[in-house]
Amino acid sequence: MRLALICLLTFFLGWGSESDAARADGLEIQPSQLDATVLAAIFSGTETMHYAISWSGGVKIGDVYLDIQREQGREDAYIISAKVKDYGPLKVFYPVDDQFTCSVYGPMKLPDRYEVVQKEGFGRKTTTRLTRYDQANGILWFRKNKEEERQFKVDGPVYNEFAAFIITRALAFRDKEPLVVPTFAEGKRHMVQVSLVKRENRKTIFGRKPTLVVQPKMQFKGLYEKSGNTTLWLTDDRCQVPVEIHSRIVIGSLVAELVAYSNPACPELVKAEKR
């Protein structure tokens, strides 16, 4: 169960690297590849999402709470935060309370600060990770706990795993041409392809809705290596809310299902009454 929650974090926030061949295909996103209407809805300043996470066979293992708010004192800057909580048997055997905070800014919503605080186990050992970004000069600084800060040089703007998941919602797909989200992970700038696979109607907390079926091409290593694609279902509207996410991993599969949503900028998306 402990490994399942680690994979949950990797699944939600861990965009892996693609092969060199894949990097050559698709368009690296520019402002023109983002849907301004969707972007405005996402970053209206008061969006919250709650996902229930289940592991193979429908066993619930945790919850993810996502929140996007305006950053006070900075123009066109926002704070994306997430909290991961364990559930059921996992809570008994290995309690987890992890928090992620990412500051993004500008027309591309690029990150400039990303902090992770993990409190895990019965001793509640705390691990902290901090990444700072100088996007204009292609420099990043990373520090884990009290270790010496490490510096990295990249050859273009980058998202982190967290911000990449959010910006995917605003991608302006044209037919089935993939778009590329440059993502910094494992000390490198990776070019992650994201494609619109198809459109389909799907049952959601808002009732039956038309959705966009989107797949980022990701590859995880070691224990987290995936055995299939991750698939996201986004509402096919001006808010493009991820209502469901599926991913196969070597130890089974994971499903994230949206169970609560709030955004005054999207008043039409209300939870349907059960019948």
C-alpha atoms as a PDB file:
ATOM      1  CA  MET A   1       0.000   0.000   0.000  1.00  0.00           C
ATOM      2  CA  ARG A   2       2.838   2.389   0.795  1.00  0.00           C
ATOM      3  CA  LEU A   3       4.251   1.854  -2.698  1.00  0.00           C
ATOM      4  CA  ALA A   4       0.822   2.499  -4.167  1.00  0.00           C
ATOM      5  CA  LEU A   5       0.686   5.972  -2.649  1.00  0.00           C
ATOM      6  CA  ILE A   6       4.190   6.771  -3.875  1.00  0.00           C
ATOM      7  CA  CYS A   7       2.971   5.833  -7.334  1.00  0.00           C
ATOM      8  CA  LEU A   8      -0.067   8.021  -6.758  1.00  0.00           C
ATOM      9  CA  LEU A   9       2.224  11.011  -6.295  1.00  0.00           C
ATOM     10  CA  THR A  10       4.260  10.032  -9.334  1.00  0.00           C
ATOM     11  CA  PHE A  11       1.053   9.555 -11.320  1.00  0.00           C
ATOM     12  CA  PHE A  12      -0.416  12.939 -10.410  1.00  0.00           C
ATOM     13  CA  LEU A  13       2.733  15.040 -10.288  1.00  0.00           C
ATOM     14  CA  GLY A  14       5.527  13.029 -11.853  1.00  0.00           C
ATOM     15  CA  TRP A  15       5.834  13.704 -15.567  1.00  0.00           C
ATOM     16  CA  GLY A  16       8.643  11.468 -16.781  1.00  0.00           C
ATOM     17  CA  SER A  17      11.013  11.732 -19.735  1.00  0.00           C
ATOM     18  CA  GLU A  18      10.384  10.552 -23.264  1.00  0.00           C
ATOM     19  CA  SER A  19      12.828   9.022 -25.685  1.00  0.00           C
ATOM     20  CA  ASP A  20      15.015  11.179 -27.953  1.00  0.00           C
ATOM     21  CA  ALA A  21      12.927  10.169 -30.949  1.00  0.00           C
ATOM     22  CA  ALA A  22       9.759  11.457 -29.314  1.00  0.00           C
ATOM     23  CA  ARG A  23      11.340  14.783 -28.466  1.00  0.00           C
ATOM     24  CA  ALA A  24      11.640  15.702 -32.134  1.00  0.00           C
ATOM     25  CA  ASP A  25       7.867  15.510 -32.728  1.00  0.00           C
ATOM     26  CA  GLY A  26       5.206  18.043 -31.794  1.00  0.00           C
ATOM     27  CA  LEU A  27       5.257  21.771 -31.100  1.00  0.00           C
ATOM     28  CA  GLU A  28       6.802  23.120 -27.909  1.00  0.00           C
ATOM     29  CA  ILE A  29       4.053  25.216 -26.414  1.00  0.00           C
ATOM     30  CA  GLN A  30       3.989  28.966 -26.911  1.00  0.00           C
ATOM     31  CA  PRO A  31       1.298  31.450 -25.813  1.00  0.00           C
ATOM     32  CA  SER A  32      -0.508  30.792 -29.108  1.00  0.00           C
ATOM     33  CA  GLN A  33      -0.813  27.086 -28.178  1.00  0.00           C
ATOM     34  CA  LEU A  34      -2.784  27.933 -25.026  1.00  0.00           C
ATOM     35  CA  ASP A  35      -6.528  28.573 -25.018  1.00  0.00           C
ATOM     36  CA  ALA A  36      -6.895  32.023 -23.425  1.00  0.00           C
ATOM     37  CA  THR A  37     -10.514  31.372 -22.385  1.00  0.00           C
ATOM     38  CA  VAL A  38      -9.647  28.141 -20.586  1.00  0.00           C
ATOM     39  CA  LEU A  39      -6.559  29.694 -19.019  1.00  0.00           C
ATOM     40  CA  ALA A  40      -8.651  32.564 -17.626  1.00  0.00           C
ATOM     41  CA  ALA A  41     -11.124  30.128 -16.069  1.00  0.00           C
ATOM     42  CA  ILE A  42      -8.413  27.977 -14.473  1.00  0.00           C
ATOM     43  CA  PHE A  43      -6.568  30.978 -13.082  1.00  0.00           C
ATOM     44  CA  SER A  44      -9.602  32.974 -12.011  1.00  0.00           C
ATOM     45  CA  GLY A  45      -8.177  32.855  -8.501  1.00  0.00           C
ATOM     46  CA  THR A  46     -10.577  30.588  -6.616  1.00  0.00           C
ATOM     47  CA  GLU A  47     -10.569  27.053  -8.057  1.00  0.00           C
ATOM     48  CA  THR A  48     -10.580  23.957  -5.830  1.00  0.00           C
ATOM     49  CA  MET A  49     -10.687  20.258  -6.735  1.00  0.00           C
ATOM     50  CA  HIS A  50     -10.911  17.068  -4.673  1.00  0.00           C
ATOM     51  CA  TYR A  51      -9.975  13.693  -6.133  1.00  0.00           C
ATOM     52  CA  ALA A  52     -10.543  10.258  -4.634  1.00  0.00           C
ATOM     53  CA  ILE A  53      -7.742   7.870  -5.589  1.00  0.00           C
ATOM     54  CA  SER A  54      -8.322   4.153  -5.970  1.00  0.00           C
ATOM     55  CA  TRP A  55      -5.881   1.356  -6.649  1.00  0.00           C
ATOM     56  CA  SER A  56      -6.402  -1.943  -8.535  1.00  0.00           C
ATOM     57  CA  GLY A  57      -9.880  -3.333  -8.017  1.00  0.00           C
ATOM     58  CA  GLY A  58     -11.360  -0.065  -6.755  1.00  0.00           C
ATOM     59  CA  VAL A  59      -9.632   0.006  -3.350  1.00  0.00           C
ATOM     60  CA  LYS A  60      -9.498   3.623  -2.198  1.00  0.00           C
ATOM     61  CA  ILE A  61      -6.002   4.573  -0.996  1.00  0.00           C
ATOM     62  CA  GLY A  62      -6.080   8.334  -0.663  1.00  0.00           C
ATOM     63  CA  ASP A  63      -7.329  11.794  -1.527  1.00  0.00           C
ATOM     64  CA  VAL A  64      -5.747  14.682  -3.408  1.00  0.00           C
ATOM     65  CA  TYR A  65      -6.921  18.246  -2.769  1.00  0.00           C
ATOM     66  CA  LEU A  66      -5.895  20.853  -5.377  1.00  0.00           C
ATOM     67  CA  ASP A  67      -6.282  24.590  -4.941  1.00  0.00           C
ATOM     68  CA  ILE A  68      -5.420  27.537  -7.228  1.00  0.00           C
ATOM     69  CA  GLN A  69      -5.435  31.040  -5.703  1.00  0.00           C
ATOM     70  CA  ARG A  70      -4.071  34.462  -6.620  1.00  0.00           C
ATOM     71  CA  GLU A  71      -0.730  35.257  -5.011  1.00  0.00           C
ATOM     72  CA  GLN A  72      -1.062  38.319  -2.844  1.00  0.00           C
ATOM     73  CA  GLY A  73       1.218  41.245  -3.700  1.00  0.00           C
ATOM     74  CA  ARG A  74       2.231  39.997  -7.179  1.00  0.00           C
ATOM     75  CA  GLU A  75       0.530  40.843 -10.451  1.00  0.00           C
ATOM     76  CA  ASP A  76      -0.467  37.895 -12.639  1.00  0.00           C
ATOM     77  CA  ALA A  77       0.964  35.376 -10.147  1.00  0.00           C
ATOM     78  CA  TYR A  78      -0.819  32.383  -8.622  1.00  0.00           C
ATOM     79  CA  ILE A  79      -0.251  29.730  -5.983  1.00  0.00           C
ATOM     80  CA  ILE A  80      -1.092  26.133  -6.905  1.00  0.00           C
ATOM     81  CA  SER A  81      -1.222  23.936  -3.823  1.00  0.00           C
ATOM     82  CA  ALA A  82      -1.984  20.273  -3.258  1.00  0.00           C
ATOM     83  CA  LYS A  83      -2.429  18.092  -0.216  1.00  0.00           C
ATOM     84  CA  VAL A  84      -2.177  14.304  -0.356  1.00  0.00           C
ATOM     85  CA  LYS A  85      -3.873  12.319   2.402  1.00  0.00           C
ATOM     86  CA  ASP A  86      -3.864   8.563   2.943  1.00  0.00           C
ATOM     87  CA  TYR A  87      -7.039   6.555   3.431  1.00  0.00           C
ATOM     88  CA  GLY A  88      -8.152   3.194   4.798  1.00  0.00           C
ATOM     89  CA  PRO A  89      -5.528   0.438   5.265  1.00  0.00           C
ATOM     90  CA  LEU A  90      -2.743   2.735   4.116  1.00  0.00           C
ATOM     91  CA  LYS A  91      -3.530   5.170   6.929  1.00  0.00           C
ATOM     92  CA  VAL A  92      -3.124   2.367   9.466  1.00  0.00           C
ATOM     93  CA  PHE A  93       0.145   0.957   8.111  1.00  0.00           C
ATOM     94  CA  TYR A  94       1.889   4.124   6.893  1.00  0.00           C
ATOM     95  CA  PRO A  95       0.284   7.527   7.583  1.00  0.00           C
ATOM     96  CA  VAL A  96       1.009  10.178   4.949  1.00  0.00           C
ATOM     97  CA  ASP A  97       0.423  13.929   4.940  1.00  0.00           C
ATOM     98  CA  ASP A  98       2.226  15.576   2.015  1.00  0.00           C
ATOM     99  CA  GLN A  99       1.881  19.159   0.780  1.00  0.00           C
ATOM    100  CA  PHE A 100       2.988  20.728  -2.510  1.00  0.00           C
ATOM    101  CA  THR A 101       3.095  24.466  -3.218  1.00  0.00           C
ATOM    102  CA  CYS A 102       3.992  25.986  -6.570  1.00  0.00           C
ATOM    103  CA  SER A 103       4.103  29.667  -7.531  1.00  0.00           C
ATOM    104  CA  VAL A 104       3.461  30.418 -11.239  1.00  0.00           C
ATOM    105  CA  TYR A 105       3.328  33.670 -13.166  1.00  0.00           C
ATOM    106  CA  GLY A 106       3.033  35.371 -16.563  1.00  0.00           C
ATOM    107  CA  PRO A 107       1.118  34.455 -19.730  1.00  0.00           C
ATOM    108  CA  MET A 108       2.547  30.913 -19.783  1.00  0.00           C
ATOM    109  CA  LYS A 109       2.043  30.322 -16.045  1.00  0.00           C
ATOM    110  CA  LEU A 110       5.664  29.228 -15.609  1.00  0.00           C
ATOM    111  CA  PRO A 111       6.848  28.247 -12.129  1.00  0.00           C
ATOM    112  CA  ASP A 112       9.355  30.301 -10.160  1.00  0.00           C
ATOM    113  CA  ARG A 113       9.159  28.469  -6.824  1.00  0.00           C
ATOM    114  CA  TYR A 114       8.154  24.899  -5.950  1.00  0.00           C
ATOM    115  CA  GLU A 115       8.183  23.498  -2.419  1.00  0.00           C
ATOM    116  CA  VAL A 116       7.358  20.006  -1.191  1.00  0.00           C
ATOM    117  CA  VAL A 117       6.855  19.102   2.488  1.00  0.00           C
ATOM    118  CA  GLN A 118       6.371  15.405   3.184  1.00  0.00           C
ATOM    119  CA  LYS A 119       5.376  14.038   6.593  1.00  0.00           C
ATOM    120  CA  GLU A 120       5.281  10.277   6.451  1.00  0.00           C
ATOM    121  CA  GLY A 121       5.403   7.270   8.765  1.00  0.00           C
ATOM    122  CA  PHE A 122       4.545   6.947  12.438  1.00  0.00           C
ATOM    123  CA  GLY A 123       7.566   9.033  13.382  1.00  0.00           C
ATOM    124  CA  ARG A 124       6.204  11.736  11.030  1.00  0.00           C
ATOM    125  CA  LYS A 125       9.645  12.309   9.565  1.00  0.00           C
ATOM    126  CA  THR A 126       9.612  15.536   7.553  1.00  0.00           C
ATOM    127  CA  THR A 127      11.357  15.849   4.193  1.00  0.00           C
ATOM    128  CA  THR A 128      11.476  19.193   2.403  1.00  0.00           C
ATOM    129  CA  ARG A 129      12.403  19.999  -1.190  1.00  0.00           C
ATOM    130  CA  LEU A 130      12.680  23.481  -2.659  1.00  0.00           C
ATOM    131  CA  THR A 131      13.227  24.433  -6.311  1.00  0.00           C
ATOM    132  CA  ARG A 132      13.717  28.038  -7.440  1.00  0.00           C
ATOM    133  CA  TYR A 133      13.542  29.076 -11.093  1.00  0.00           C
ATOM    134  CA  ASP A 134      15.131  31.893 -13.083  1.00  0.00           C
ATOM    135  CA  GLN A 135      13.173  31.271 -16.283  1.00  0.00           C
ATOM    136  CA  ALA A 136      14.663  34.253 -18.146  1.00  0.00           C
ATOM    137  CA  ASN A 137      18.227  32.967 -17.736  1.00  0.00           C
ATOM    138  CA  GLY A 138      17.514  29.226 -17.740  1.00  0.00           C
ATOM    139  CA  ILE A 139      18.815  28.564 -14.214  1.00  0.00           C
ATOM    140  CA  LEU A 140      17.302  26.413 -11.460  1.00  0.00           C
ATOM    141  CA  TRP A 141      18.366  25.837  -7.861  1.00  0.00           C
ATOM    142  CA  PHE A 142      17.340  22.740  -5.904  1.00  0.00           C
ATOM    143  CA  ARG A 143      17.744  21.968  -2.208  1.00  0.00           C
ATOM    144  CA  LYS A 144      16.647  18.893  -0.231  1.00  0.00           C
ATOM    145  CA  ASN A 145      16.357  19.345   3.542  1.00  0.00           C
ATOM    146  CA  LYS A 146      19.545  21.071   4.715  1.00  0.00           C
ATOM    147  CA  GLU A 147      21.757  19.722   1.953  1.00  0.00           C
ATOM    148  CA  GLU A 148      23.826  22.081  -0.166  1.00  0.00           C
ATOM    149  CA  GLU A 149      21.820  23.783  -2.908  1.00  0.00           C
ATOM    150  CA  ARG A 150      22.449  22.437  -6.429  1.00  0.00           C
ATOM    151  CA  GLN A 151      22.298  24.549  -9.582  1.00  0.00           C
ATOM    152  CA  PHE A 152      21.095  23.416 -13.016  1.00  0.00           C
ATOM    153  CA  LYS A 153      21.239  25.076 -16.432  1.00  0.00           C
ATOM    154  CA  VAL A 154      18.475  24.503 -18.999  1.00  0.00           C
ATOM    155  CA  ASP A 155      18.108  25.651 -22.600  1.00  0.00           C
ATOM    156  CA  GLY A 156      14.593  27.068 -22.384  1.00  0.00           C
ATOM    157  CA  PRO A 157      11.562  27.647 -20.159  1.00  0.00           C
ATOM    158  CA  VAL A 158      10.435  24.684 -18.060  1.00  0.00           C
ATOM    159  CA  TYR A 159       7.479  23.551 -16.026  1.00  0.00           C
ATOM    160  CA  ASN A 160       7.795  21.242 -13.062  1.00  0.00           C
ATOM    161  CA  GLU A 161       5.768  18.047 -12.747  1.00  0.00           C
ATOM    162  CA  PHE A 162       3.059  19.892 -10.837  1.00  0.00           C
ATOM    163  CA  ALA A 163       2.625  22.946 -13.100  1.00  0.00           C
ATOM    164  CA  ALA A 164       2.771  20.712 -16.205  1.00  0.00           C
ATOM    165  CA  PHE A 165      -0.341  18.846 -15.068  1.00  0.00           C
ATOM    166  CA  ILE A 166      -2.259  22.124 -14.666  1.00  0.00           C
ATOM    167  CA  ILE A 167      -1.122  23.765 -17.926  1.00  0.00           C
ATOM    168  CA  THR A 168      -2.165  20.663 -19.893  1.00  0.00           C
ATOM    169  CA  ARG A 169      -5.775  21.683 -19.285  1.00  0.00           C
ATOM    170  CA  ALA A 170      -5.298  24.861 -21.333  1.00  0.00           C
ATOM    171  CA  LEU A 171      -3.570  23.343 -24.353  1.00  0.00           C
ATOM    172  CA  ALA A 172      -5.228  24.387 -27.624  1.00  0.00           C
ATOM    173  CA  PHE A 173      -5.153  21.140 -29.575  1.00  0.00           C
ATOM    174  CA  ARG A 174      -5.463  21.267 -33.356  1.00  0.00           C
ATOM    175  CA  ASP A 175      -6.692  17.934 -34.659  1.00  0.00           C
ATOM    176  CA  LYS A 176      -4.385  15.228 -33.303  1.00  0.00           C
ATOM    177  CA  GLU A 177      -1.112  17.118 -33.577  1.00  0.00           C
ATOM    178  CA  PRO A 178       0.755  16.627 -30.257  1.00  0.00           C
ATOM    179  CA  LEU A 179       1.960  19.568 -28.212  1.00  0.00           C
ATOM    180  CA  VAL A 180       5.133  19.484 -26.115  1.00  0.00           C
ATOM    181  CA  VAL A 181       5.299  20.629 -22.483  1.00  0.00           C
ATOM    182  CA  PRO A 182       8.976  21.165 -21.470  1.00  0.00           C
ATOM    183  CA  THR A 183       9.302  19.746 -17.972  1.00  0.00           C
ATOM    184  CA  PHE A 184      12.256  19.748 -15.577  1.00  0.00           C
ATOM    185  CA  ALA A 185      12.594  16.434 -13.748  1.00  0.00           C
ATOM    186  CA  GLU A 186      15.488  14.314 -12.526  1.00  0.00           C
ATOM    187  CA  GLY A 187      17.948  17.143 -13.255  1.00  0.00           C
ATOM    188  CA  LYS A 188      17.039  17.486 -16.949  1.00  0.00           C
ATOM    189  CA  ARG A 189      14.715  19.347 -19.310  1.00  0.00           C
ATOM    190  CA  HIS A 190      12.364  16.751 -20.805  1.00  0.00           C
ATOM    191  CA  MET A 191      10.029  17.297 -23.750  1.00  0.00           C
ATOM    192  CA  VAL A 192       6.730  15.672 -22.783  1.00  0.00           C
ATOM    193  CA  GLN A 193       4.290  15.137 -25.661  1.00  0.00           C
ATOM    194  CA  VAL A 194       0.597  15.623 -24.974  1.00  0.00           C
ATOM    195  CA  SER A 195      -2.013  14.516 -27.508  1.00  0.00           C
ATOM    196  CA  LEU A 196      -5.771  14.784 -27.917  1.00  0.00           C
ATOM    197  CA  VAL A 197      -6.819  11.192 -28.596  1.00  0.00           C
ATOM    198  CA  LYS A 198     -10.569  11.613 -29.119  1.00  0.00           C
ATOM    199  CA  ARG A 199     -13.768  13.136 -27.792  1.00  0.00           C
ATOM    200  CA  GLU A 200     -16.365  11.122 -25.906  1.00  0.00           C
ATOM    201  CA  ASN A 201     -19.333  11.482 -23.572  1.00  0.00           C
ATOM    202  CA  ARG A 202     -18.585  10.358 -20.025  1.00  0.00           C
ATOM    203  CA  LYS A 203     -20.338  10.133 -16.677  1.00  0.00           C
ATOM    204  CA  THR A 204     -18.972  12.801 -14.295  1.00  0.00           C
ATOM    205  CA  ILE A 205     -19.946  14.458 -11.026  1.00  0.00           C
ATOM    206  CA  PHE A 206     -21.604  17.112 -13.217  1.00  0.00           C
ATOM    207  CA  GLY A 207     -23.753  14.506 -14.967  1.00  0.00           C
ATOM    208  CA  ARG A 208     -23.017  13.034 -18.382  1.00  0.00           C
ATOM    209  CA  LYS A 209     -20.679  15.426 -20.194  1.00  0.00           C
ATOM    210  CA  PRO A 210     -18.732  15.623 -23.471  1.00  0.00           C
ATOM    211  CA  THR A 211     -15.041  15.234 -22.661  1.00  0.00           C
ATOM    212  CA  LEU A 212     -11.626  15.533 -24.282  1.00  0.00           C
ATOM    213  CA  VAL A 213      -9.548  12.366 -23.929  1.00  0.00           C
ATOM    214  CA  VAL A 214      -5.938  13.485 -23.519  1.00  0.00           C
ATOM    215  CA  GLN A 215      -2.755  11.438 -23.157  1.00  0.00           C
ATOM    216  CA  PRO A 216       0.676  12.690 -22.055  1.00  0.00           C
ATOM    217  CA  LYS A 217       3.429  10.324 -23.177  1.00  0.00           C
ATOM    218  CA  MET A 218       5.329   9.526 -20.017  1.00  0.00           C
ATOM    219  CA  GLN A 219       7.878   6.942 -18.975  1.00  0.00           C
ATOM    220  CA  PHE A 220       8.779   6.147 -15.387  1.00  0.00           C
ATOM    221  CA  LYS A 221      11.837   4.250 -14.225  1.00  0.00           C
ATOM    222  CA  GLY A 222      12.489   1.636 -11.567  1.00  0.00           C
ATOM    223  CA  LEU A 223       9.539   0.730  -9.344  1.00  0.00           C
ATOM    224  CA  TYR A 224       7.428   3.468 -10.882  1.00  0.00           C
ATOM    225  CA  GLU A 225       7.744   2.333 -14.506  1.00  0.00           C
ATOM    226  CA  LYS A 226       4.386   2.484 -16.205  1.00  0.00           C
ATOM    227  CA  SER A 227       2.888  -0.408 -18.137  1.00  0.00           C
ATOM    228  CA  GLY A 228       0.504   1.787 -20.134  1.00  0.00           C
ATOM    229  CA  ASN A 229      -0.488   5.336 -20.937  1.00  0.00           C
ATOM    230  CA  THR A 230      -1.937   7.832 -18.520  1.00  0.00           C
ATOM    231  CA  THR A 231      -5.283   9.109 -19.772  1.00  0.00           C
ATOM    232  CA  LEU A 232      -7.080  12.275 -18.691  1.00  0.00           C
ATOM    233  CA  TRP A 233     -10.728  13.124 -19.316  1.00  0.00           C
ATOM    234  CA  LEU A 234     -11.274  16.907 -19.449  1.00  0.00           C
ATOM    235  CA  THR A 235     -14.686  18.505 -19.698  1.00  0.00           C
ATOM    236  CA  ASP A 236     -15.076  19.750 -23.268  1.00  0.00           C
ATOM    237  CA  ASP A 237     -15.976  23.316 -22.328  1.00  0.00           C
ATOM    238  CA  ARG A 238     -14.342  26.610 -21.370  1.00  0.00           C
ATOM    239  CA  CYS A 239     -13.131  25.220 -18.005  1.00  0.00           C
ATOM    240  CA  GLN A 240     -11.651  21.876 -19.156  1.00  0.00           C
ATOM    241  CA  VAL A 241     -11.748  20.323 -15.699  1.00  0.00           C
ATOM    242  CA  PRO A 242     -10.014  16.931 -15.272  1.00  0.00           C
ATOM    243  CA  VAL A 243     -12.905  14.730 -14.144  1.00  0.00           C
ATOM    244  CA  GLU A 244     -11.071  11.399 -14.288  1.00  0.00           C
ATOM    245  CA  ILE A 245      -7.520  10.147 -14.719  1.00  0.00           C
ATOM    246  CA  HIS A 246      -6.390   6.557 -15.348  1.00  0.00           C
ATOM    247  CA  SER A 247      -2.874   5.174 -15.269  1.00  0.00           C
ATOM    248  CA  ARG A 248      -1.416   1.685 -15.408  1.00  0.00           C
ATOM    249  CA  ILE A 249       1.694   0.976 -13.352  1.00  0.00           C
ATOM    250  CA  VAL A 250       3.741  -2.165 -12.836  1.00  0.00           C
ATOM    251  CA  ILE A 251       1.931  -2.974  -9.587  1.00  0.00           C
ATOM    252  CA  GLY A 252      -1.593  -2.456 -10.925  1.00  0.00           C
ATOM    253  CA  SER A 253      -3.568   0.598 -11.934  1.00  0.00           C
ATOM    254  CA  LEU A 254      -4.678   3.905 -10.460  1.00  0.00           C
ATOM    255  CA  VAL A 255      -7.831   5.937 -10.958  1.00  0.00           C
ATOM    256  CA  ALA A 256      -8.334   9.531  -9.812  1.00  0.00           C
ATOM    257  CA  GLU A 257     -11.994  10.547  -9.799  1.00  0.00           C
ATOM    258  CA  LEU A 258     -13.139  14.114  -9.232  1.00  0.00           C
ATOM    259  CA  VAL A 259     -15.599  14.109  -6.328  1.00  0.00           C
ATOM    260  CA  ALA A 260     -15.846  17.837  -5.551  1.00  0.00           C
ATOM    261  CA  TYR A 261     -15.253  21.024  -7.542  1.00  0.00           C
ATOM    262  CA  SER A 262     -15.617  24.746  -6.980  1.00  0.00           C
ATOM    263  CA  ASN A 263     -14.852  27.711  -9.232  1.00  0.00           C
ATOM    264  CA  PRO A 264     -17.074  30.825  -9.383  1.00  0.00           C
ATOM    265  CA  ALA A 265     -15.755  31.391 -12.919  1.00  0.00           C
ATOM    266  CA  CYS A 266     -17.462  28.129 -13.978  1.00  0.00           C
ATOM    267  CA  PRO A 267     -20.940  28.380 -12.416  1.00  0.00           C
ATOM    268  CA  GLU A 268     -22.381  25.943 -14.944  1.00  0.00           C
ATOM    269  CA  LEU A 269     -20.305  23.092 -13.472  1.00  0.00           C
ATOM    270  CA  VAL A 270     -22.318  21.991 -10.464  1.00  0.00           C
ATOM    271  CA  LYS A 271     -22.507  18.563  -8.918  1.00  0.00           C
ATOM    272  CA  ALA A 272     -25.448  16.598 -10.265  1.00  0.00           C
ATOM    273  CA  GLU A 273     -27.970  15.198  -7.815  1.00  0.00           C
ATOM    274  CA  LYS A 274     -27.952  11.439  -7.430  1.00  0.00           C
ATOM    275  CA  ARG A 275     -31.064   9.646  -8.611  1.00  0.00           C
END
